[in-house]
């Protein structure tokens, strides 16, 4: 059974840096999590303006994989239990 925010699964959090562009972050988020461009933009905006954003809720396995994919662009990302 896949976890959801309501069942207490895992989350992926991405943190701001001065290196990556919105386009890089958005492309990575869309590839890693399957989100839309609109959602990726909102998450990139949160990362830039709030310092971090929870970008994905899922099972431990899925969150660890998404975090590994996102981290390939050199941005700090964590997968943690919610």
C-alpha atoms as a PDB file:
ATOM      1  CA  UNK A   1       0.000   0.000   0.000  1.00  0.00           C
ATOM      2  CA  UNK A   2       1.357   3.402  -0.979  1.00  0.00           C
ATOM      3  CA  UNK A   3       1.714   5.976   1.776  1.00  0.00           C
ATOM      4  CA  UNK A   4      -0.048   9.318   1.629  1.00  0.00           C
ATOM      5  CA  UNK A   5       0.078  12.497   3.706  1.00  0.00           C
ATOM      6  CA  UNK A   6      -2.946  11.195   5.593  1.00  0.00           C
ATOM      7  CA  UNK A   7      -1.352   7.863   6.530  1.00  0.00           C
ATOM      8  CA  UNK A   8       1.962   9.159   7.852  1.00  0.00           C
ATOM      9  CA  UNK A   9       4.361   8.184   5.096  1.00  0.00           C
ATOM     10  CA  UNK A  10       7.558   9.841   3.961  1.00  0.00           C
ATOM     11  CA  UNK A  11       8.338  13.279   2.529  1.00  0.00           C
ATOM     12  CA  UNK A  12      10.973  14.758   0.239  1.00  0.00           C
ATOM     13  CA  UNK A  13      12.214  18.236   1.165  1.00  0.00           C
ATOM     14  CA  UNK A  14      14.339  20.359  -1.186  1.00  0.00           C
ATOM     15  CA  UNK A  15      16.457  23.253   0.135  1.00  0.00           C
ATOM     16  CA  UNK A  16      17.447  26.499  -1.570  1.00  0.00           C
ATOM     17  CA  UNK A  17      20.885  27.224  -2.939  1.00  0.00           C
ATOM     18  CA  UNK A  18      22.470  29.895  -5.134  1.00  0.00           C
ATOM     19  CA  UNK A  19      23.548  27.440  -7.836  1.00  0.00           C
ATOM     20  CA  UNK A  20      20.475  25.977  -9.517  1.00  0.00           C
ATOM     21  CA  UNK A  21      18.032  27.819 -11.777  1.00  0.00           C
ATOM     22  CA  UNK A  22      14.249  27.510 -11.594  1.00  0.00           C
ATOM     23  CA  UNK A  23      14.385  25.566 -14.864  1.00  0.00           C
ATOM     24  CA  UNK A  24      16.874  23.021 -13.464  1.00  0.00           C
ATOM     25  CA  UNK A  25      14.879  22.538 -10.277  1.00  0.00           C
ATOM     26  CA  UNK A  26      11.566  22.291 -12.114  1.00  0.00           C
ATOM     27  CA  UNK A  27      12.889  19.739 -14.623  1.00  0.00           C
ATOM     28  CA  UNK A  28      14.352  17.646 -11.815  1.00  0.00           C
ATOM     29  CA  UNK A  29      11.119  17.764  -9.795  1.00  0.00           C
ATOM     30  CA  UNK A  30       8.981  16.799 -12.785  1.00  0.00           C
ATOM     31  CA  UNK A  31      11.296  13.910 -13.686  1.00  0.00           C
ATOM     32  CA  UNK A  32      11.673  12.628 -10.117  1.00  0.00           C
ATOM     33  CA  UNK A  33       8.087  12.992  -8.910  1.00  0.00           C
ATOM     34  CA  UNK A  34       5.943  13.118 -12.034  1.00  0.00           C
ATOM     35  CA  UNK A  35       4.420  16.463 -11.056  1.00  0.00           C
ATOM     36  CA  UNK A  36       3.141  19.009 -13.564  1.00  0.00           C
ATOM     37  CA  UNK A  37       5.101  22.070 -14.684  1.00  0.00           C
ATOM     38  CA  UNK A  38       2.709  24.255 -12.694  1.00  0.00           C
ATOM     39  CA  UNK A  39       3.292  22.283  -9.491  1.00  0.00           C
ATOM     40  CA  UNK A  40       7.051  22.226 -10.098  1.00  0.00           C
ATOM     41  CA  UNK A  41       7.024  26.020 -10.517  1.00  0.00           C
ATOM     42  CA  UNK A  42       5.122  26.517  -7.249  1.00  0.00           C
ATOM     43  CA  UNK A  43       7.574  24.252  -5.428  1.00  0.00           C
ATOM     44  CA  UNK A  44      10.590  25.999  -6.986  1.00  0.00           C
ATOM     45  CA  UNK A  45       9.094  29.343  -5.902  1.00  0.00           C
ATOM     46  CA  UNK A  46       8.699  28.044  -2.326  1.00  0.00           C
ATOM     47  CA  UNK A  47      12.273  26.741  -2.320  1.00  0.00           C
ATOM     48  CA  UNK A  48      13.563  30.105  -3.531  1.00  0.00           C
ATOM     49  CA  UNK A  49      11.434  32.326  -1.284  1.00  0.00           C
ATOM     50  CA  UNK A  50      10.958  30.183   1.842  1.00  0.00           C
ATOM     51  CA  UNK A  51      14.300  28.362   1.841  1.00  0.00           C
ATOM     52  CA  UNK A  52      12.789  24.898   1.389  1.00  0.00           C
ATOM     53  CA  UNK A  53       9.726  23.034   0.181  1.00  0.00           C
ATOM     54  CA  UNK A  54       8.176  19.621   0.733  1.00  0.00           C
ATOM     55  CA  UNK A  55       7.927  18.427  -2.852  1.00  0.00           C
ATOM     56  CA  UNK A  56       6.687  14.844  -2.538  1.00  0.00           C
ATOM     57  CA  UNK A  57       4.724  12.528  -0.244  1.00  0.00           C
ATOM     58  CA  UNK A  58       4.992   8.763  -0.769  1.00  0.00           C
ATOM     59  CA  UNK A  59       6.426   5.515   0.543  1.00  0.00           C
ATOM     60  CA  UNK A  60       9.957   5.385   1.930  1.00  0.00           C
ATOM     61  CA  UNK A  61      11.260   3.651  -1.195  1.00  0.00           C
ATOM     62  CA  UNK A  62       9.669   6.155  -3.570  1.00  0.00           C
ATOM     63  CA  UNK A  63      10.823   9.164  -1.531  1.00  0.00           C
ATOM     64  CA  UNK A  64      14.392   7.899  -1.242  1.00  0.00           C
ATOM     65  CA  UNK A  65      14.474   7.345  -5.002  1.00  0.00           C
ATOM     66  CA  UNK A  66      13.002  10.792  -5.779  1.00  0.00           C
ATOM     67  CA  UNK A  67      15.497  12.452  -3.412  1.00  0.00           C
ATOM     68  CA  UNK A  68      18.405  10.652  -5.065  1.00  0.00           C
ATOM     69  CA  UNK A  69      17.243  11.771  -8.521  1.00  0.00           C
ATOM     70  CA  UNK A  70      16.718  15.394  -7.439  1.00  0.00           C
ATOM     71  CA  UNK A  71      20.114  15.518  -5.697  1.00  0.00           C
ATOM     72  CA  UNK A  72      21.868  14.817  -9.026  1.00  0.00           C
ATOM     73  CA  UNK A  73      21.622  18.524  -9.900  1.00  0.00           C
ATOM     74  CA  UNK A  74      23.664  19.401  -6.808  1.00  0.00           C
ATOM     75  CA  UNK A  75      20.822  20.664  -4.646  1.00  0.00           C
ATOM     76  CA  UNK A  76      20.353  19.617  -1.000  1.00  0.00           C
ATOM     77  CA  UNK A  77      17.422  17.253  -0.565  1.00  0.00           C
ATOM     78  CA  UNK A  78      16.244  14.953   2.220  1.00  0.00           C
ATOM     79  CA  UNK A  79      13.846  12.024   2.412  1.00  0.00           C
ATOM     80  CA  UNK A  80      12.450  11.648   5.907  1.00  0.00           C
ATOM     81  CA  UNK A  81       9.618   9.970   7.713  1.00  0.00           C
ATOM     82  CA  UNK A  82       6.699  12.341   8.059  1.00  0.00           C
END
